[in-house]
Amino acid sequence: MALGAELLAGAGIGDGAAKLRGSITSGAAAERFGRMVHGLGGPADFVERWQQMLPQAPVVIDVPAPRAGHVAAMDGEALGLAVVRLGGGREVESDPVDPAVGLSHVVRLGQRLEAGEPLARVHAASADDAQAAARAVTAAVQIGEPPDVGPLVRERIA
């Protein structure tokens, strides 16, 4: 939202954050996305029925936080490589991609967690793959003191 608002402001479109919120709450953004999907050859009713149309992984598990605290740091590269190892990305150009696997519900930097609350949800093709990804997520997310995250957009360069 912050980056989109900056882009709209840079294009001279008034209060970009309000425009984005309005597009989301009114459903205009979803309607436009649906037209884009259809324009690219997808189904015309994708927005209304996406849950029936997208493949789902046979194994879905939540990765519990090992202890209470704040999300102090995250290794984005390690999380991305966990998705690749699940089959959701490519190591080489010829690798197939499984659109059913990956990570969802990933915690945010600075978020407060209790022990056992999910760090992320793993979608995998097998229980072994899910457990390997869970270990990678646990290693990639550090729990500790709240970090100083600062603003998402630091400055606008004209």
N, C-alpha and C. Protein backbone atom coordinates (compact mmCIF):
# COMPACT_ATOMS: atom_id res chain seq x y z
N MET A 1 0.82 -1.18 0.00
CA MET A 1 0.00 0.00 0.00
C MET A 1 0.87 1.26 0.00
N ALA A 2 1.93 1.23 0.83
CA ALA A 2 2.78 2.42 0.93
C ALA A 2 3.47 2.70 -0.40
N LEU A 3 3.96 1.66 -1.04
CA LEU A 3 4.65 1.87 -2.31
C LEU A 3 3.66 2.28 -3.39
N GLY A 4 2.49 1.66 -3.43
CA GLY A 4 1.47 2.04 -4.40
C GLY A 4 1.02 3.48 -4.22
N ALA A 5 0.87 3.89 -2.96
CA ALA A 5 0.48 5.26 -2.68
C ALA A 5 1.54 6.24 -3.18
N GLU A 6 2.80 5.90 -2.99
CA GLU A 6 3.89 6.76 -3.48
C GLU A 6 3.88 6.84 -5.00
N LEU A 7 3.64 5.71 -5.66
CA LEU A 7 3.60 5.72 -7.13
C LEU A 7 2.47 6.60 -7.63
N LEU A 8 1.30 6.48 -7.02
CA LEU A 8 0.17 7.31 -7.44
C LEU A 8 0.44 8.79 -7.16
N ALA A 9 1.02 9.09 -6.02
CA ALA A 9 1.35 10.49 -5.70
C ALA A 9 2.36 11.03 -6.70
N GLY A 10 3.35 10.20 -7.05
CA GLY A 10 4.35 10.62 -8.03
C GLY A 10 3.76 10.86 -9.40
N ALA A 11 2.65 10.19 -9.69
CA ALA A 11 1.97 10.38 -10.97
C ALA A 11 0.97 11.52 -10.91
N GLY A 12 0.91 12.21 -9.75
CA GLY A 12 0.02 13.34 -9.60
C GLY A 12 -1.43 12.97 -9.31
N ILE A 13 -1.64 11.77 -8.78
CA ILE A 13 -3.01 11.31 -8.50
C ILE A 13 -3.32 11.48 -7.02
N GLY A 14 -3.38 12.69 -6.55
CA GLY A 14 -3.83 13.04 -5.21
C GLY A 14 -3.40 12.11 -4.09
N ASP A 15 -4.33 11.81 -3.21
CA ASP A 15 -4.08 10.95 -2.05
C ASP A 15 -4.09 9.49 -2.50
N GLY A 16 -2.91 8.98 -2.84
CA GLY A 16 -2.80 7.62 -3.37
C GLY A 16 -3.28 6.56 -2.40
N ALA A 17 -3.00 6.73 -1.11
CA ALA A 17 -3.41 5.72 -0.12
C ALA A 17 -4.93 5.63 -0.07
N ALA A 18 -5.62 6.77 -0.10
CA ALA A 18 -7.09 6.75 -0.07
C ALA A 18 -7.64 6.11 -1.34
N LYS A 19 -7.03 6.41 -2.47
CA LYS A 19 -7.48 5.81 -3.74
C LYS A 19 -7.33 4.29 -3.69
N LEU A 20 -6.19 3.82 -3.18
CA LEU A 20 -5.97 2.38 -3.11
C LEU A 20 -6.96 1.72 -2.16
N ARG A 21 -7.14 2.29 -0.98
CA ARG A 21 -8.11 1.73 -0.03
C ARG A 21 -9.50 1.69 -0.64
N GLY A 22 -9.89 2.74 -1.33
CA GLY A 22 -11.19 2.79 -1.97
C GLY A 22 -11.35 1.72 -3.04
N SER A 23 -10.30 1.49 -3.83
CA SER A 23 -10.35 0.47 -4.88
C SER A 23 -10.48 -0.93 -4.30
N ILE A 24 -9.85 -1.14 -3.17
CA ILE A 24 -9.92 -2.46 -2.54
C ILE A 24 -11.28 -2.67 -1.88
N THR A 25 -11.72 -1.70 -1.08
CA THR A 25 -12.98 -1.87 -0.36
C THR A 25 -14.19 -1.90 -1.29
N SER A 26 -14.13 -1.19 -2.41
CA SER A 26 -15.26 -1.17 -3.34
C SER A 26 -15.31 -2.42 -4.22
N GLY A 27 -14.20 -3.16 -4.28
CA GLY A 27 -14.14 -4.32 -5.16
C GLY A 27 -13.61 -4.00 -6.54
N ALA A 28 -13.32 -2.73 -6.80
CA ALA A 28 -12.83 -2.34 -8.13
C ALA A 28 -11.49 -2.99 -8.46
N ALA A 29 -10.63 -3.12 -7.46
CA ALA A 29 -9.32 -3.74 -7.70
C ALA A 29 -9.48 -5.22 -8.08
N ALA A 30 -10.35 -5.92 -7.38
CA ALA A 30 -10.59 -7.34 -7.69
C ALA A 30 -11.21 -7.48 -9.07
N GLU A 31 -12.14 -6.59 -9.40
CA GLU A 31 -12.79 -6.64 -10.71
C GLU A 31 -11.76 -6.42 -11.82
N ARG A 32 -10.87 -5.47 -11.63
CA ARG A 32 -9.83 -5.21 -12.63
C ARG A 32 -8.89 -6.40 -12.75
N PHE A 33 -8.51 -6.99 -11.61
CA PHE A 33 -7.64 -8.17 -11.64
C PHE A 33 -8.32 -9.30 -12.41
N GLY A 34 -9.60 -9.51 -12.17
CA GLY A 34 -10.34 -10.55 -12.89
C GLY A 34 -10.34 -10.32 -14.39
N ARG A 35 -10.50 -9.06 -14.80
CA ARG A 35 -10.44 -8.75 -16.25
C ARG A 35 -9.05 -9.03 -16.80
N MET A 36 -8.01 -8.76 -16.00
CA MET A 36 -6.64 -9.05 -16.45
C MET A 36 -6.44 -10.55 -16.62
N VAL A 37 -6.89 -11.34 -15.64
CA VAL A 37 -6.77 -12.80 -15.73
C VAL A 37 -7.47 -13.30 -16.97
N HIS A 38 -8.70 -12.84 -17.20
CA HIS A 38 -9.46 -13.26 -18.37
C HIS A 38 -8.77 -12.83 -19.66
N GLY A 39 -8.24 -11.60 -19.68
CA GLY A 39 -7.53 -11.10 -20.85
C GLY A 39 -6.29 -11.92 -21.19
N LEU A 40 -5.73 -12.57 -20.19
CA LEU A 40 -4.55 -13.42 -20.42
C LEU A 40 -4.92 -14.87 -20.69
N GLY A 41 -6.22 -15.13 -20.90
CA GLY A 41 -6.66 -16.48 -21.25
C GLY A 41 -7.24 -17.26 -20.09
N GLY A 42 -7.34 -16.66 -18.93
CA GLY A 42 -7.90 -17.35 -17.77
C GLY A 42 -9.42 -17.28 -17.76
N PRO A 43 -10.03 -17.94 -16.79
CA PRO A 43 -11.49 -17.96 -16.71
C PRO A 43 -12.06 -16.58 -16.35
N ALA A 44 -13.22 -16.28 -16.89
CA ALA A 44 -13.86 -14.99 -16.64
C ALA A 44 -14.33 -14.86 -15.19
N ASP A 45 -14.58 -15.98 -14.52
CA ASP A 45 -15.08 -15.94 -13.14
C ASP A 45 -13.99 -16.29 -12.12
N PHE A 46 -12.76 -16.02 -12.45
CA PHE A 46 -11.66 -16.38 -11.57
C PHE A 46 -11.79 -15.74 -10.19
N VAL A 47 -12.10 -14.46 -10.12
CA VAL A 47 -12.17 -13.75 -8.83
C VAL A 47 -13.23 -14.37 -7.94
N GLU A 48 -14.34 -14.77 -8.50
CA GLU A 48 -15.43 -15.33 -7.71
C GLU A 48 -15.15 -16.77 -7.29
N ARG A 49 -14.36 -17.51 -8.09
CA ARG A 49 -14.19 -18.95 -7.83
C ARG A 49 -12.72 -19.39 -7.76
N TRP A 50 -11.83 -18.50 -7.37
CA TRP A 50 -10.40 -18.83 -7.39
C TRP A 50 -10.07 -20.05 -6.54
N GLN A 51 -10.78 -20.25 -5.43
CA GLN A 51 -10.46 -21.38 -4.55
C GLN A 51 -10.73 -22.72 -5.23
N GLN A 52 -11.70 -22.77 -6.13
CA GLN A 52 -11.98 -24.01 -6.84
C GLN A 52 -11.06 -24.19 -8.05
N MET A 53 -10.40 -23.13 -8.48
CA MET A 53 -9.61 -23.18 -9.71
C MET A 53 -8.12 -23.39 -9.49
N LEU A 54 -7.61 -22.95 -8.37
CA LEU A 54 -6.17 -23.08 -8.13
C LEU A 54 -5.87 -24.43 -7.48
N PRO A 55 -4.75 -25.03 -7.86
CA PRO A 55 -4.40 -26.31 -7.24
C PRO A 55 -4.05 -26.13 -5.77
N GLN A 56 -4.34 -27.16 -4.98
CA GLN A 56 -4.03 -27.12 -3.56
C GLN A 56 -3.05 -28.23 -3.20
N ALA A 57 -2.10 -27.91 -2.36
CA ALA A 57 -1.10 -28.88 -1.93
C ALA A 57 -1.77 -29.95 -1.05
N PRO A 58 -1.32 -31.19 -1.17
CA PRO A 58 -1.91 -32.25 -0.34
C PRO A 58 -1.52 -32.17 1.13
N VAL A 59 -0.41 -31.49 1.44
CA VAL A 59 0.05 -31.38 2.83
C VAL A 59 0.17 -29.90 3.17
N VAL A 60 -0.55 -29.47 4.21
CA VAL A 60 -0.49 -28.08 4.67
C VAL A 60 -0.27 -28.11 6.17
N ILE A 61 0.82 -27.46 6.62
CA ILE A 61 1.12 -27.42 8.05
C ILE A 61 1.50 -26.00 8.46
N ASP A 62 1.22 -25.66 9.70
CA ASP A 62 1.68 -24.40 10.28
C ASP A 62 3.00 -24.66 10.97
N VAL A 63 3.90 -23.68 10.88
CA VAL A 63 5.22 -23.77 11.52
C VAL A 63 5.14 -22.98 12.83
N PRO A 64 5.23 -23.65 13.98
CA PRO A 64 5.07 -22.94 15.25
C PRO A 64 6.31 -22.13 15.64
N ALA A 65 6.05 -20.98 16.24
CA ALA A 65 7.16 -20.19 16.79
C ALA A 65 7.76 -20.96 17.96
N PRO A 66 9.10 -21.06 18.02
CA PRO A 66 9.73 -21.83 19.09
C PRO A 66 9.62 -21.17 20.46
N ARG A 67 9.39 -19.86 20.50
CA ARG A 67 9.26 -19.14 21.77
C ARG A 67 8.53 -17.82 21.52
N ALA A 68 8.14 -17.18 22.57
CA ALA A 68 7.47 -15.89 22.48
C ALA A 68 8.49 -14.79 22.21
N GLY A 69 8.04 -13.73 21.59
CA GLY A 69 8.89 -12.58 21.30
C GLY A 69 8.41 -11.89 20.04
N HIS A 70 9.25 -11.01 19.55
CA HIS A 70 8.95 -10.29 18.31
C HIS A 70 9.76 -10.91 17.17
N VAL A 71 9.25 -10.77 15.97
CA VAL A 71 10.01 -11.18 14.80
C VAL A 71 11.11 -10.13 14.62
N ALA A 72 12.31 -10.51 15.03
CA ALA A 72 13.43 -9.57 15.06
C ALA A 72 14.15 -9.47 13.72
N ALA A 73 14.16 -10.56 12.95
CA ALA A 73 14.84 -10.58 11.65
C ALA A 73 14.30 -11.75 10.85
N MET A 74 14.38 -11.60 9.53
CA MET A 74 13.96 -12.67 8.63
C MET A 74 14.97 -12.76 7.49
N ASP A 75 15.34 -13.98 7.14
CA ASP A 75 16.24 -14.21 6.02
C ASP A 75 15.39 -14.51 4.80
N GLY A 76 15.10 -13.47 4.02
CA GLY A 76 14.25 -13.60 2.85
C GLY A 76 14.78 -14.58 1.82
N GLU A 77 16.09 -14.61 1.66
CA GLU A 77 16.68 -15.54 0.70
C GLU A 77 16.43 -16.98 1.14
N ALA A 78 16.60 -17.26 2.42
CA ALA A 78 16.36 -18.61 2.93
C ALA A 78 14.91 -19.02 2.75
N LEU A 79 13.97 -18.07 2.97
CA LEU A 79 12.56 -18.38 2.75
C LEU A 79 12.29 -18.67 1.28
N GLY A 80 12.87 -17.87 0.40
CA GLY A 80 12.72 -18.11 -1.03
C GLY A 80 13.28 -19.45 -1.47
N LEU A 81 14.44 -19.81 -0.93
CA LEU A 81 15.05 -21.10 -1.27
C LEU A 81 14.21 -22.26 -0.73
N ALA A 82 13.54 -22.06 0.40
CA ALA A 82 12.64 -23.10 0.91
C ALA A 82 11.50 -23.34 -0.07
N VAL A 83 10.98 -22.28 -0.66
CA VAL A 83 9.92 -22.42 -1.66
C VAL A 83 10.45 -23.14 -2.90
N VAL A 84 11.65 -22.80 -3.31
CA VAL A 84 12.25 -23.48 -4.47
C VAL A 84 12.39 -24.97 -4.19
N ARG A 85 12.87 -25.32 -3.00
CA ARG A 85 13.04 -26.74 -2.65
C ARG A 85 11.69 -27.46 -2.56
N LEU A 86 10.63 -26.74 -2.24
CA LEU A 86 9.29 -27.34 -2.25
C LEU A 86 8.82 -27.63 -3.68
N GLY A 87 9.44 -26.98 -4.66
CA GLY A 87 9.02 -27.12 -6.06
C GLY A 87 8.27 -25.91 -6.57
N GLY A 88 8.21 -24.87 -5.76
CA GLY A 88 7.48 -23.67 -6.14
C GLY A 88 8.33 -22.65 -6.89
N GLY A 89 9.54 -23.00 -7.22
CA GLY A 89 10.42 -22.13 -7.97
C GLY A 89 11.44 -22.98 -8.71
N ARG A 90 12.27 -22.35 -9.48
CA ARG A 90 13.23 -23.07 -10.32
C ARG A 90 14.67 -22.86 -9.84
N GLU A 91 15.43 -23.95 -9.81
CA GLU A 91 16.87 -23.84 -9.61
C GLU A 91 17.54 -23.61 -10.96
N VAL A 92 17.02 -24.26 -12.00
CA VAL A 92 17.47 -24.04 -13.37
C VAL A 92 16.23 -23.78 -14.22
N GLU A 93 16.43 -23.15 -15.36
CA GLU A 93 15.31 -22.71 -16.20
C GLU A 93 14.36 -23.84 -16.59
N SER A 94 14.88 -25.05 -16.74
CA SER A 94 14.05 -26.16 -17.20
C SER A 94 13.24 -26.83 -16.08
N ASP A 95 13.47 -26.46 -14.82
CA ASP A 95 12.72 -27.06 -13.71
C ASP A 95 11.23 -26.72 -13.83
N PRO A 96 10.38 -27.69 -13.59
CA PRO A 96 8.94 -27.36 -13.55
C PRO A 96 8.61 -26.63 -12.25
N VAL A 97 7.52 -25.89 -12.25
CA VAL A 97 7.06 -25.18 -11.06
C VAL A 97 5.71 -25.76 -10.66
N ASP A 98 5.59 -26.13 -9.39
CA ASP A 98 4.33 -26.64 -8.86
C ASP A 98 3.59 -25.46 -8.23
N PRO A 99 2.51 -24.99 -8.85
CA PRO A 99 1.82 -23.82 -8.32
C PRO A 99 1.06 -24.07 -7.01
N ALA A 100 0.98 -25.32 -6.58
CA ALA A 100 0.25 -25.64 -5.35
C ALA A 100 1.11 -25.50 -4.10
N VAL A 101 2.42 -25.45 -4.24
CA VAL A 101 3.29 -25.45 -3.08
C VAL A 101 3.84 -24.06 -2.78
N GLY A 102 4.29 -23.88 -1.54
CA GLY A 102 4.90 -22.61 -1.17
C GLY A 102 4.64 -22.27 0.28
N LEU A 103 4.76 -21.00 0.59
CA LEU A 103 4.53 -20.49 1.94
C LEU A 103 3.41 -19.46 1.89
N SER A 104 2.59 -19.45 2.92
CA SER A 104 1.57 -18.41 3.07
C SER A 104 1.52 -18.01 4.54
N HIS A 105 0.77 -16.97 4.84
CA HIS A 105 0.58 -16.52 6.21
C HIS A 105 1.93 -16.31 6.92
N VAL A 106 2.90 -15.77 6.22
CA VAL A 106 4.23 -15.52 6.79
C VAL A 106 4.14 -14.31 7.72
N VAL A 107 4.75 -14.42 8.89
CA VAL A 107 4.74 -13.33 9.87
C VAL A 107 5.42 -12.10 9.30
N ARG A 108 5.14 -10.97 9.93
CA ARG A 108 5.73 -9.70 9.52
C ARG A 108 6.86 -9.34 10.46
N LEU A 109 7.83 -8.66 9.93
CA LEU A 109 8.94 -8.16 10.74
C LEU A 109 8.38 -7.27 11.84
N GLY A 110 8.79 -7.51 13.07
CA GLY A 110 8.33 -6.75 14.22
C GLY A 110 7.08 -7.30 14.88
N GLN A 111 6.42 -8.26 14.25
CA GLN A 111 5.18 -8.83 14.81
C GLN A 111 5.45 -9.53 16.12
N ARG A 112 4.54 -9.36 17.08
CA ARG A 112 4.64 -10.03 18.38
C ARG A 112 3.99 -11.40 18.28
N LEU A 113 4.68 -12.42 18.77
CA LEU A 113 4.18 -13.80 18.74
C LEU A 113 4.26 -14.44 20.12
N GLU A 114 3.36 -15.34 20.37
CA GLU A 114 3.46 -16.21 21.54
C GLU A 114 4.06 -17.53 21.06
N ALA A 115 4.66 -18.28 21.96
CA ALA A 115 5.22 -19.60 21.62
C ALA A 115 4.11 -20.45 21.01
N GLY A 116 4.42 -21.08 19.89
CA GLY A 116 3.46 -21.96 19.23
C GLY A 116 2.61 -21.29 18.18
N GLU A 117 2.55 -19.95 18.18
CA GLU A 117 1.82 -19.27 17.10
C GLU A 117 2.55 -19.49 15.79
N PRO A 118 1.83 -19.52 14.67
CA PRO A 118 2.47 -19.83 13.38
C PRO A 118 3.43 -18.74 12.90
N LEU A 119 4.61 -19.19 12.47
CA LEU A 119 5.55 -18.31 11.76
C LEU A 119 5.14 -18.21 10.30
N ALA A 120 4.61 -19.32 9.76
CA ALA A 120 4.18 -19.38 8.37
C ALA A 120 3.38 -20.67 8.19
N ARG A 121 2.70 -20.76 7.07
CA ARG A 121 2.00 -21.98 6.69
C ARG A 121 2.73 -22.56 5.48
N VAL A 122 3.07 -23.84 5.56
CA VAL A 122 3.76 -24.54 4.47
C VAL A 122 2.75 -25.35 3.67
N HIS A 123 2.81 -25.21 2.36
CA HIS A 123 1.99 -26.00 1.43
C HIS A 123 2.97 -26.88 0.66
N ALA A 124 2.86 -28.20 0.82
CA ALA A 124 3.87 -29.11 0.27
C ALA A 124 3.23 -30.30 -0.43
N ALA A 125 4.05 -30.97 -1.24
CA ALA A 125 3.61 -32.15 -1.96
C ALA A 125 3.72 -33.41 -1.10
N SER A 126 4.55 -33.38 -0.05
CA SER A 126 4.72 -34.55 0.81
C SER A 126 5.00 -34.09 2.24
N ALA A 127 4.80 -35.01 3.18
CA ALA A 127 5.08 -34.70 4.58
C ALA A 127 6.56 -34.42 4.79
N ASP A 128 7.44 -35.16 4.11
CA ASP A 128 8.88 -34.91 4.25
C ASP A 128 9.25 -33.53 3.75
N ASP A 129 8.69 -33.13 2.60
CA ASP A 129 8.95 -31.79 2.06
C ASP A 129 8.44 -30.73 3.03
N ALA A 130 7.26 -30.96 3.62
CA ALA A 130 6.68 -29.99 4.56
C ALA A 130 7.59 -29.83 5.78
N GLN A 131 8.09 -30.93 6.31
CA GLN A 131 8.96 -30.85 7.50
C GLN A 131 10.27 -30.15 7.17
N ALA A 132 10.84 -30.41 5.99
CA ALA A 132 12.08 -29.73 5.60
C ALA A 132 11.85 -28.23 5.47
N ALA A 133 10.73 -27.85 4.87
CA ALA A 133 10.41 -26.43 4.73
C ALA A 133 10.16 -25.80 6.10
N ALA A 134 9.52 -26.53 7.00
CA ALA A 134 9.27 -26.01 8.35
C ALA A 134 10.58 -25.73 9.07
N ARG A 135 11.54 -26.62 8.92
CA ARG A 135 12.86 -26.39 9.53
C ARG A 135 13.52 -25.16 8.93
N ALA A 136 13.39 -24.99 7.61
CA ALA A 136 13.99 -23.82 6.95
C ALA A 136 13.33 -22.53 7.43
N VAL A 137 12.01 -22.54 7.59
CA VAL A 137 11.31 -21.35 8.07
C VAL A 137 11.75 -21.02 9.49
N THR A 138 11.81 -22.01 10.35
CA THR A 138 12.22 -21.80 11.74
C THR A 138 13.62 -21.20 11.80
N ALA A 139 14.52 -21.68 10.94
CA ALA A 139 15.88 -21.16 10.92
C ALA A 139 15.95 -19.74 10.34
N ALA A 140 15.02 -19.41 9.45
CA ALA A 140 15.06 -18.13 8.75
C ALA A 140 14.44 -16.99 9.55
N VAL A 141 13.60 -17.31 10.53
CA VAL A 141 12.90 -16.28 11.29
C VAL A 141 13.48 -16.22 12.70
N GLN A 142 14.04 -15.08 13.05
CA GLN A 142 14.62 -14.90 14.38
C GLN A 142 13.61 -14.22 15.30
N ILE A 143 13.43 -14.80 16.47
CA ILE A 143 12.53 -14.25 17.48
C ILE A 143 13.38 -13.57 18.55
N GLY A 144 13.01 -12.35 18.91
CA GLY A 144 13.77 -11.63 19.93
C GLY A 144 13.11 -10.31 20.25
N GLU A 145 13.93 -9.28 20.35
CA GLU A 145 13.44 -7.94 20.64
C GLU A 145 12.90 -7.31 19.36
N PRO A 146 11.94 -6.40 19.51
CA PRO A 146 11.38 -5.77 18.30
C PRO A 146 12.45 -4.95 17.58
N PRO A 147 12.53 -5.10 16.26
CA PRO A 147 13.54 -4.36 15.51
C PRO A 147 13.06 -2.93 15.22
N ASP A 148 13.99 -2.08 14.89
CA ASP A 148 13.65 -0.74 14.44
C ASP A 148 13.51 -0.82 12.93
N VAL A 149 12.27 -0.98 12.45
CA VAL A 149 12.06 -1.20 11.02
C VAL A 149 12.05 0.09 10.21
N GLY A 150 11.74 1.20 10.82
CA GLY A 150 11.73 2.47 10.09
C GLY A 150 10.63 2.49 9.04
N PRO A 151 10.54 3.59 8.30
CA PRO A 151 9.49 3.71 7.29
C PRO A 151 9.78 2.82 6.08
N LEU A 152 8.71 2.35 5.42
CA LEU A 152 8.88 1.54 4.21
C LEU A 152 9.45 2.39 3.08
N VAL A 153 8.95 3.60 2.95
CA VAL A 153 9.45 4.52 1.93
C VAL A 153 10.25 5.60 2.65
N ARG A 154 11.54 5.64 2.39
CA ARG A 154 12.41 6.59 3.10
C ARG A 154 12.41 7.98 2.48
N GLU A 155 12.40 8.02 1.16
CA GLU A 155 12.38 9.32 0.50
C GLU A 155 11.93 9.14 -0.94
N ARG A 156 11.46 10.21 -1.52
CA ARG A 156 11.06 10.20 -2.92
C ARG A 156 12.12 10.98 -3.68
N ILE A 157 12.66 10.36 -4.70
CA ILE A 157 13.70 11.01 -5.53
C ILE A 157 13.04 11.48 -6.81
N ALA A 158 13.06 12.78 -7.03
CA ALA A 158 12.39 13.34 -8.20
C ALA A 158 13.32 13.37 -9.40
